[in-house]
């Protein structure tokens, strides 16, 4: 059985060197992030069977908007 180990989603700006910060923390197996036409971010979870929906804030952190249950593990999302 896989152990649920929290991970982070990191934002990096390379326009003036490399500057990275944690955009969201404590996420279980985040994988596959896609930006929708609504400017929201959709992030799959390879272990939990859900897609998280995020709003990007001006400070480059993410605000959780919703968690959508899906019947399969999701990875490599595409809108």
PDB file of N, CA and C in Angstrom:
ATOM      1  N   UNK A   1       0.836  -1.182   0.000  1.00  0.00           N
ATOM      2  CA  UNK A   1       0.000   0.000   0.000  1.00  0.00           C
ATOM      3  C   UNK A   1       0.885   1.251   0.000  1.00  0.00           C
ATOM      4  N   UNK A   2       0.527   2.211  -0.836  1.00  0.00           N
ATOM      5  CA  UNK A   2       1.284   3.454  -0.913  1.00  0.00           C
ATOM      6  C   UNK A   2       0.987   4.335   0.288  1.00  0.00           C
ATOM      7  N   UNK A   3       2.024   4.932   0.824  1.00  0.00           N
ATOM      8  CA  UNK A   3       1.876   5.855   1.931  1.00  0.00           C
ATOM      9  C   UNK A   3       1.574   7.246   1.374  1.00  0.00           C
ATOM     10  N   UNK A   4       0.597   7.929   1.964  1.00  0.00           N
ATOM     11  CA  UNK A   4       0.243   9.281   1.543  1.00  0.00           C
ATOM     12  C   UNK A   4       1.236  10.272   2.125  1.00  0.00           C
ATOM     13  N   UNK A   5       2.120  10.771   1.285  1.00  0.00           N
ATOM     14  CA  UNK A   5       3.132  11.726   1.705  1.00  0.00           C
ATOM     15  C   UNK A   5       2.794  13.078   1.083  1.00  0.00           C
ATOM     16  N   UNK A   6       2.556  14.097   1.907  1.00  0.00           N
ATOM     17  CA  UNK A   6       2.236  15.417   1.345  1.00  0.00           C
ATOM     18  C   UNK A   6       3.386  15.984   0.527  1.00  0.00           C
ATOM     19  N   UNK A   7       3.023  16.751  -0.477  1.00  0.00           N
ATOM     20  CA  UNK A   7       3.973  17.402  -1.364  1.00  0.00           C
ATOM     21  C   UNK A   7       3.576  18.857  -1.510  1.00  0.00           C
ATOM     22  N   UNK A   8       4.351  19.615  -2.253  1.00  0.00           N
ATOM     23  CA  UNK A   8       4.059  21.016  -2.493  1.00  0.00           C
ATOM     24  C   UNK A   8       3.928  21.274  -3.983  1.00  0.00           C
ATOM     25  N   UNK A   9       3.238  22.355  -4.313  1.00  0.00           N
ATOM     26  CA  UNK A   9       3.229  22.879  -5.671  1.00  0.00           C
ATOM     27  C   UNK A   9       4.095  24.134  -5.613  1.00  0.00           C
ATOM     28  N   UNK A  10       5.076  24.194  -6.488  1.00  0.00           N
ATOM     29  CA  UNK A  10       6.069  25.262  -6.465  1.00  0.00           C
ATOM     30  C   UNK A  10       5.886  26.173  -7.675  1.00  0.00           C
ATOM     31  N   UNK A  11       5.992  27.480  -7.445  1.00  0.00           N
ATOM     32  CA  UNK A  11       5.981  28.473  -8.513  1.00  0.00           C
ATOM     33  C   UNK A  11       7.411  28.995  -8.673  1.00  0.00           C
ATOM     34  N   UNK A  12       7.917  28.992  -9.903  1.00  0.00           N
ATOM     35  CA  UNK A  12       9.254  29.526 -10.169  1.00  0.00           C
ATOM     36  C   UNK A  12       9.175  30.601 -11.245  1.00  0.00           C
ATOM     37  N   UNK A  13       9.837  31.715 -10.998  1.00  0.00           N
ATOM     38  CA  UNK A  13       9.944  32.812 -11.955  1.00  0.00           C
ATOM     39  C   UNK A  13      11.396  32.868 -12.416  1.00  0.00           C
ATOM     40  N   UNK A  14      11.611  32.659 -13.696  1.00  0.00           N
ATOM     41  CA  UNK A  14      12.982  32.655 -14.217  1.00  0.00           C
ATOM     42  C   UNK A  14      13.272  33.888 -15.068  1.00  0.00           C
ATOM     43  N   UNK A  15      12.393  34.888 -14.995  1.00  0.00           N
ATOM     44  CA  UNK A  15      12.595  36.090 -15.813  1.00  0.00           C
ATOM     45  C   UNK A  15      13.785  36.922 -15.356  1.00  0.00           C
ATOM     46  N   UNK A  16      14.159  36.836 -14.077  1.00  0.00           N
ATOM     47  CA  UNK A  16      15.303  37.590 -13.535  1.00  0.00           C
ATOM     48  C   UNK A  16      16.145  36.672 -12.666  1.00  0.00           C
ATOM     49  N   UNK A  17      16.610  35.579 -13.231  1.00  0.00           N
ATOM     50  CA  UNK A  17      17.275  34.561 -12.431  1.00  0.00           C
ATOM     51  C   UNK A  17      16.237  33.528 -12.034  1.00  0.00           C
ATOM     52  N   UNK A  18      16.532  32.754 -11.037  1.00  0.00           N
ATOM     53  CA  UNK A  18      15.582  31.732 -10.594  1.00  0.00           C
ATOM     54  C   UNK A  18      15.088  32.099  -9.201  1.00  0.00           C
ATOM     55  N   UNK A  19      13.788  32.332  -9.095  1.00  0.00           N
ATOM     56  CA  UNK A  19      13.159  32.627  -7.809  1.00  0.00           C
ATOM     57  C   UNK A  19      11.963  31.702  -7.664  1.00  0.00           C
ATOM     58  N   UNK A  20      12.005  30.820  -6.682  1.00  0.00           N
ATOM     59  CA  UNK A  20      10.929  29.850  -6.483  1.00  0.00           C
ATOM     60  C   UNK A  20      10.297  30.030  -5.111  1.00  0.00           C
ATOM     61  N   UNK A  21       9.000  29.708  -5.028  1.00  0.00           N
ATOM     62  CA  UNK A  21       8.296  29.764  -3.750  1.00  0.00           C
ATOM     63  C   UNK A  21       7.206  28.695  -3.741  1.00  0.00           C
ATOM     64  N   UNK A  22       6.789  28.317  -2.559  1.00  0.00           N
ATOM     65  CA  UNK A  22       5.710  27.342  -2.409  1.00  0.00           C
ATOM     66  C   UNK A  22       4.390  28.049  -2.717  1.00  0.00           C
ATOM     67  N   UNK A  23       3.663  27.543  -3.702  1.00  0.00           N
ATOM     68  CA  UNK A  23       2.368  28.108  -4.071  1.00  0.00           C
ATOM     69  C   UNK A  23       1.239  27.448  -3.280  1.00  0.00           C
ATOM     70  N   UNK A  24       1.393  26.157  -2.982  1.00  0.00           N
ATOM     71  CA  UNK A  24       0.426  25.408  -2.169  1.00  0.00           C
ATOM     72  C   UNK A  24       1.185  24.263  -1.519  1.00  0.00           C
ATOM     73  N   UNK A  25       0.884  24.001  -0.260  1.00  0.00           N
ATOM     74  CA  UNK A  25       1.616  22.934   0.435  1.00  0.00           C
ATOM     75  C   UNK A  25       0.677  21.888   1.022  1.00  0.00           C
ATOM     76  N   UNK A  26       1.259  20.764   1.385  1.00  0.00           N
ATOM     77  CA  UNK A  26       0.499  19.690   2.007  1.00  0.00           C
ATOM     78  C   UNK A  26      -0.446  18.960   1.073  1.00  0.00           C
ATOM     79  N   UNK A  27      -0.128  18.902  -0.203  1.00  0.00           N
ATOM     80  CA  UNK A  27      -0.978  18.261  -1.206  1.00  0.00           C
ATOM     81  C   UNK A  27      -0.532  16.809  -1.367  1.00  0.00           C
ATOM     82  N   UNK A  28      -1.497  15.885  -1.394  1.00  0.00           N
ATOM     83  CA  UNK A  28      -1.182  14.464  -1.552  1.00  0.00           C
ATOM     84  C   UNK A  28      -1.015  14.146  -3.039  1.00  0.00           C
ATOM     85  N   UNK A  29       0.189  13.740  -3.412  1.00  0.00           N
ATOM     86  CA  UNK A  29       0.547  13.327  -4.778  1.00  0.00           C
ATOM     87  C   UNK A  29       0.005  14.243  -5.868  1.00  0.00           C
ATOM     88  N   UNK A  30       0.392  15.531  -5.853  1.00  0.00           N
ATOM     89  CA  UNK A  30      -0.039  16.390  -6.955  1.00  0.00           C
ATOM     90  C   UNK A  30       0.686  15.990  -8.235  1.00  0.00           C
ATOM     91  N   UNK A  31      -0.042  15.952  -9.317  1.00  0.00           N
ATOM     92  CA  UNK A  31       0.574  15.574 -10.582  1.00  0.00           C
ATOM     93  C   UNK A  31      -0.284  16.079 -11.726  1.00  0.00           C
ATOM     94  N   UNK A  32       0.339  16.637 -12.716  1.00  0.00           N
ATOM     95  CA  UNK A  32      -0.374  17.091 -13.893  1.00  0.00           C
ATOM     96  C   UNK A  32      -1.185  18.338 -13.611  1.00  0.00           C
ATOM     97  N   UNK A  33      -0.682  19.501 -13.998  1.00  0.00           N
ATOM     98  CA  UNK A  33      -1.400  20.753 -13.805  1.00  0.00           C
ATOM     99  C   UNK A  33      -1.691  21.342 -15.177  1.00  0.00           C
ATOM    100  N   UNK A  34      -2.944  21.769 -15.373  1.00  0.00           N
ATOM    101  CA  UNK A  34      -3.336  22.386 -16.641  1.00  0.00           C
ATOM    102  C   UNK A  34      -4.103  23.671 -16.351  1.00  0.00           C
ATOM    103  N   UNK A  35      -3.867  24.682 -17.191  1.00  0.00           N
ATOM    104  CA  UNK A  35      -4.584  25.946 -17.049  1.00  0.00           C
ATOM    105  C   UNK A  35      -5.781  25.925 -17.984  1.00  0.00           C
ATOM    106  N   UNK A  36      -6.947  26.229 -17.431  1.00  0.00           N
ATOM    107  CA  UNK A  36      -8.168  26.234 -18.224  1.00  0.00           C
ATOM    108  C   UNK A  36      -8.439  27.587 -18.855  1.00  0.00           C
ATOM    109  N   UNK A  37      -9.396  27.662 -19.782  1.00  0.00           N
ATOM    110  CA  UNK A  37      -9.749  28.932 -20.427  1.00  0.00           C
ATOM    111  C   UNK A  37     -10.348  29.927 -19.432  1.00  0.00           C
ATOM    112  N   UNK A  38     -10.728  29.438 -18.260  1.00  0.00           N
ATOM    113  CA  UNK A  38     -11.266  30.281 -17.194  1.00  0.00           C
ATOM    114  C   UNK A  38     -10.161  30.834 -16.286  1.00  0.00           C
ATOM    115  N   UNK A  39      -8.899  30.601 -16.666  1.00  0.00           N
ATOM    116  CA  UNK A  39      -7.709  31.005 -15.904  1.00  0.00           C
ATOM    117  C   UNK A  39      -7.559  30.286 -14.568  1.00  0.00           C
ATOM    118  N   UNK A  40      -8.325  29.242 -14.339  1.00  0.00           N
ATOM    119  CA  UNK A  40      -8.142  28.416 -13.151  1.00  0.00           C
ATOM    120  C   UNK A  40      -7.148  27.310 -13.485  1.00  0.00           C
ATOM    121  N   UNK A  41      -6.492  26.783 -12.454  1.00  0.00           N
ATOM    122  CA  UNK A  41      -5.567  25.667 -12.633  1.00  0.00           C
ATOM    123  C   UNK A  41      -6.242  24.394 -12.161  1.00  0.00           C
ATOM    124  N   UNK A  42      -6.050  23.325 -12.913  1.00  0.00           N
ATOM    125  CA  UNK A  42      -6.625  22.020 -12.607  1.00  0.00           C
ATOM    126  C   UNK A  42      -5.469  21.066 -12.353  1.00  0.00           C
ATOM    127  N   UNK A  43      -5.481  20.425 -11.190  1.00  0.00           N
ATOM    128  CA  UNK A  43      -4.363  19.587 -10.771  1.00  0.00           C
ATOM    129  C   UNK A  43      -4.871  18.187 -10.421  1.00  0.00           C
ATOM    130  N   UNK A  44      -4.289  17.197 -11.088  1.00  0.00           N
ATOM    131  CA  UNK A  44      -4.670  15.818 -10.837  1.00  0.00           C
ATOM    132  C   UNK A  44      -3.940  15.254  -9.625  1.00  0.00           C
ATOM    133  N   UNK A  45      -4.546  14.239  -9.043  1.00  0.00           N
ATOM    134  CA  UNK A  45      -3.914  13.514  -7.943  1.00  0.00           C
ATOM    135  C   UNK A  45      -3.783  12.056  -8.360  1.00  0.00           C
ATOM    136  N   UNK A  46      -2.550  11.549  -8.369  1.00  0.00           N
ATOM    137  CA  UNK A  46      -2.330  10.176  -8.815  1.00  0.00           C
ATOM    138  C   UNK A  46      -2.776   9.154  -7.785  1.00  0.00           C
ATOM    139  N   UNK A  47      -3.065   9.567  -6.568  1.00  0.00           N
ATOM    140  CA  UNK A  47      -3.439   8.613  -5.527  1.00  0.00           C
ATOM    141  C   UNK A  47      -4.869   8.782  -5.037  1.00  0.00           C
ATOM    142  N   UNK A  48      -5.382   9.992  -5.001  1.00  0.00           N
ATOM    143  CA  UNK A  48      -6.659  10.244  -4.347  1.00  0.00           C
ATOM    144  C   UNK A  48      -7.884  10.147  -5.244  1.00  0.00           C
ATOM    145  N   UNK A  49      -7.733  10.038  -6.538  1.00  0.00           N
ATOM    146  CA  UNK A  49      -8.901   9.958  -7.412  1.00  0.00           C
ATOM    147  C   UNK A  49      -9.707  11.249  -7.405  1.00  0.00           C
ATOM    148  N   UNK A  50      -9.015  12.367  -7.551  1.00  0.00           N
ATOM    149  CA  UNK A  50      -9.707  13.645  -7.633  1.00  0.00           C
ATOM    150  C   UNK A  50      -8.896  14.632  -8.440  1.00  0.00           C
ATOM    151  N   UNK A  51      -9.581  15.694  -8.858  1.00  0.00           N
ATOM    152  CA  UNK A  51      -8.940  16.818  -9.527  1.00  0.00           C
ATOM    153  C   UNK A  51      -9.190  18.038  -8.654  1.00  0.00           C
ATOM    154  N   UNK A  52      -8.121  18.709  -8.285  1.00  0.00           N
ATOM    155  CA  UNK A  52      -8.240  19.936  -7.498  1.00  0.00           C
ATOM    156  C   UNK A  52      -8.288  21.133  -8.447  1.00  0.00           C
ATOM    157  N   UNK A  53      -9.098  22.114  -8.070  1.00  0.00           N
ATOM    158  CA  UNK A  53      -9.219  23.342  -8.855  1.00  0.00           C
ATOM    159  C   UNK A  53      -8.643  24.473  -8.009  1.00  0.00           C
ATOM    160  N   UNK A  54      -7.737  25.263  -8.617  1.00  0.00           N
ATOM    161  CA  UNK A  54      -7.025  26.321  -7.915  1.00  0.00           C
ATOM    162  C   UNK A  54      -7.203  27.655  -8.623  1.00  0.00           C
ATOM    163  N   UNK A  55      -7.219  28.724  -7.826  1.00  0.00           N
ATOM    164  CA  UNK A  55      -7.161  30.081  -8.346  1.00  0.00           C
ATOM    165  C   UNK A  55      -5.771  30.627  -8.043  1.00  0.00           C
ATOM    166  N   UNK A  56      -5.095  31.156  -9.047  1.00  0.00           N
ATOM    167  CA  UNK A  56      -3.770  31.754  -8.847  1.00  0.00           C
ATOM    168  C   UNK A  56      -3.952  33.166  -8.298  1.00  0.00           C
ATOM    169  N   UNK A  57      -3.303  33.457  -7.185  1.00  0.00           N
ATOM    170  CA  UNK A  57      -3.370  34.763  -6.548  1.00  0.00           C
ATOM    171  C   UNK A  57      -2.242  35.655  -7.081  1.00  0.00           C
ATOM    172  N   UNK A  58      -2.353  36.983  -6.956  1.00  0.00           N
ATOM    173  CA  UNK A  58      -1.307  37.886  -7.454  1.00  0.00           C
ATOM    174  C   UNK A  58       0.078  37.625  -6.851  1.00  0.00           C
ATOM    175  N   UNK A  59       0.132  37.069  -5.630  1.00  0.00           N
ATOM    176  CA  UNK A  59       1.431  36.794  -5.007  1.00  0.00           C
ATOM    177  C   UNK A  59       1.985  35.421  -5.403  1.00  0.00           C
ATOM    178  N   UNK A  60       1.354  34.791  -6.391  1.00  0.00           N
ATOM    179  CA  UNK A  60       1.771  33.493  -6.945  1.00  0.00           C
ATOM    180  C   UNK A  60       1.536  32.327  -5.985  1.00  0.00           C
ATOM    181  N   UNK A  61       0.644  32.493  -5.030  1.00  0.00           N
ATOM    182  CA  UNK A  61       0.182  31.362  -4.244  1.00  0.00           C
ATOM    183  C   UNK A  61      -1.116  30.882  -4.876  1.00  0.00           C
ATOM    184  N   UNK A  62      -1.577  29.712  -4.450  1.00  0.00           N
ATOM    185  CA  UNK A  62      -2.801  29.142  -4.996  1.00  0.00           C
ATOM    186  C   UNK A  62      -3.873  29.055  -3.922  1.00  0.00           C
ATOM    187  N   UNK A  63      -5.092  29.397  -4.299  1.00  0.00           N
ATOM    188  CA  UNK A  63      -6.246  29.281  -3.406  1.00  0.00           C
ATOM    189  C   UNK A  63      -7.102  28.126  -3.909  1.00  0.00           C
ATOM    190  N   UNK A  64      -7.391  27.174  -3.025  1.00  0.00           N
ATOM    191  CA  UNK A  64      -8.218  26.023  -3.396  1.00  0.00           C
ATOM    192  C   UNK A  64      -9.658  26.471  -3.625  1.00  0.00           C
ATOM    193  N   UNK A  65     -10.194  26.104  -4.782  1.00  0.00           N
ATOM    194  CA  UNK A  65     -11.564  26.462  -5.155  1.00  0.00           C
ATOM    195  C   UNK A  65     -12.499  25.257  -5.002  1.00  0.00           C
ATOM    196  N   UNK A  66     -12.021  24.080  -5.419  1.00  0.00           N
ATOM    197  CA  UNK A  66     -12.879  22.886  -5.385  1.00  0.00           C
ATOM    198  C   UNK A  66     -12.026  21.631  -5.493  1.00  0.00           C
ATOM    199  N   UNK A  67     -12.610  20.517  -5.085  1.00  0.00           N
ATOM    200  CA  UNK A  67     -12.044  19.185  -5.304  1.00  0.00           C
ATOM    201  C   UNK A  67     -13.125  18.356  -5.981  1.00  0.00           C
ATOM    202  N   UNK A  68     -12.808  17.856  -7.172  1.00  0.00           N
ATOM    203  CA  UNK A  68     -13.776  17.119  -7.976  1.00  0.00           C
ATOM    204  C   UNK A  68     -13.400  15.641  -7.968  1.00  0.00           C
ATOM    205  N   UNK A  69     -14.232  14.788  -7.356  1.00  0.00           N
ATOM    206  CA  UNK A  69     -13.930  13.356  -7.361  1.00  0.00           C
ATOM    207  C   UNK A  69     -14.025  12.778  -8.773  1.00  0.00           C
ATOM    208  N   UNK A  70     -13.089  11.922  -9.114  1.00  0.00           N
ATOM    209  CA  UNK A  70     -13.111  11.201 -10.382  1.00  0.00           C
ATOM    210  C   UNK A  70     -12.933   9.722 -10.093  1.00  0.00           C
ATOM    211  N   UNK A  71     -13.347   8.872 -11.004  1.00  0.00           N
ATOM    212  CA  UNK A  71     -13.349   7.431 -10.750  1.00  0.00           C
ATOM    213  C   UNK A  71     -11.997   6.769 -11.007  1.00  0.00           C
ATOM    214  N   UNK A  72     -11.035   7.524 -11.535  1.00  0.00           N
ATOM    215  CA  UNK A  72      -9.710   6.964 -11.818  1.00  0.00           C
ATOM    216  C   UNK A  72      -8.638   7.943 -11.342  1.00  0.00           C
ATOM    217  N   UNK A  73      -7.431   7.448 -11.180  1.00  0.00           N
ATOM    218  CA  UNK A  73      -6.318   8.334 -10.890  1.00  0.00           C
ATOM    219  C   UNK A  73      -6.070   9.229 -12.091  1.00  0.00           C
ATOM    220  N   UNK A  74      -5.755  10.495 -11.845  1.00  0.00           N
ATOM    221  CA  UNK A  74      -5.546  11.405 -12.967  1.00  0.00           C
ATOM    222  C   UNK A  74      -4.100  11.863 -13.015  1.00  0.00           C
ATOM    223  N   UNK A  75      -3.622  12.049 -14.225  1.00  0.00           N
ATOM    224  CA  UNK A  75      -2.246  12.455 -14.458  1.00  0.00           C
ATOM    225  C   UNK A  75      -2.196  13.111 -15.832  1.00  0.00           C
ATOM    226  N   UNK A  76      -1.249  14.006 -16.044  1.00  0.00           N
ATOM    227  CA  UNK A  76      -1.090  14.661 -17.342  1.00  0.00           C
ATOM    228  C   UNK A  76      -2.404  15.240 -17.852  1.00  0.00           C
ATOM    229  N   UNK A  77      -2.991  16.137 -17.071  1.00  0.00           N
ATOM    230  CA  UNK A  77      -4.262  16.738 -17.430  1.00  0.00           C
ATOM    231  C   UNK A  77      -4.137  17.588 -18.686  1.00  0.00           C
ATOM    232  N   UNK A  78      -5.236  17.678 -19.428  1.00  0.00           N
ATOM    233  CA  UNK A  78      -5.305  18.505 -20.613  1.00  0.00           C
ATOM    234  C   UNK A  78      -6.702  19.114 -20.683  1.00  0.00           C
ATOM    235  N   UNK A  79      -6.760  20.360 -21.015  1.00  0.00           N
ATOM    236  CA  UNK A  79      -8.063  21.047 -21.124  1.00  0.00           C
ATOM    237  C   UNK A  79      -8.449  21.118 -22.587  1.00  0.00           C
TER     238      UNK A  79
END
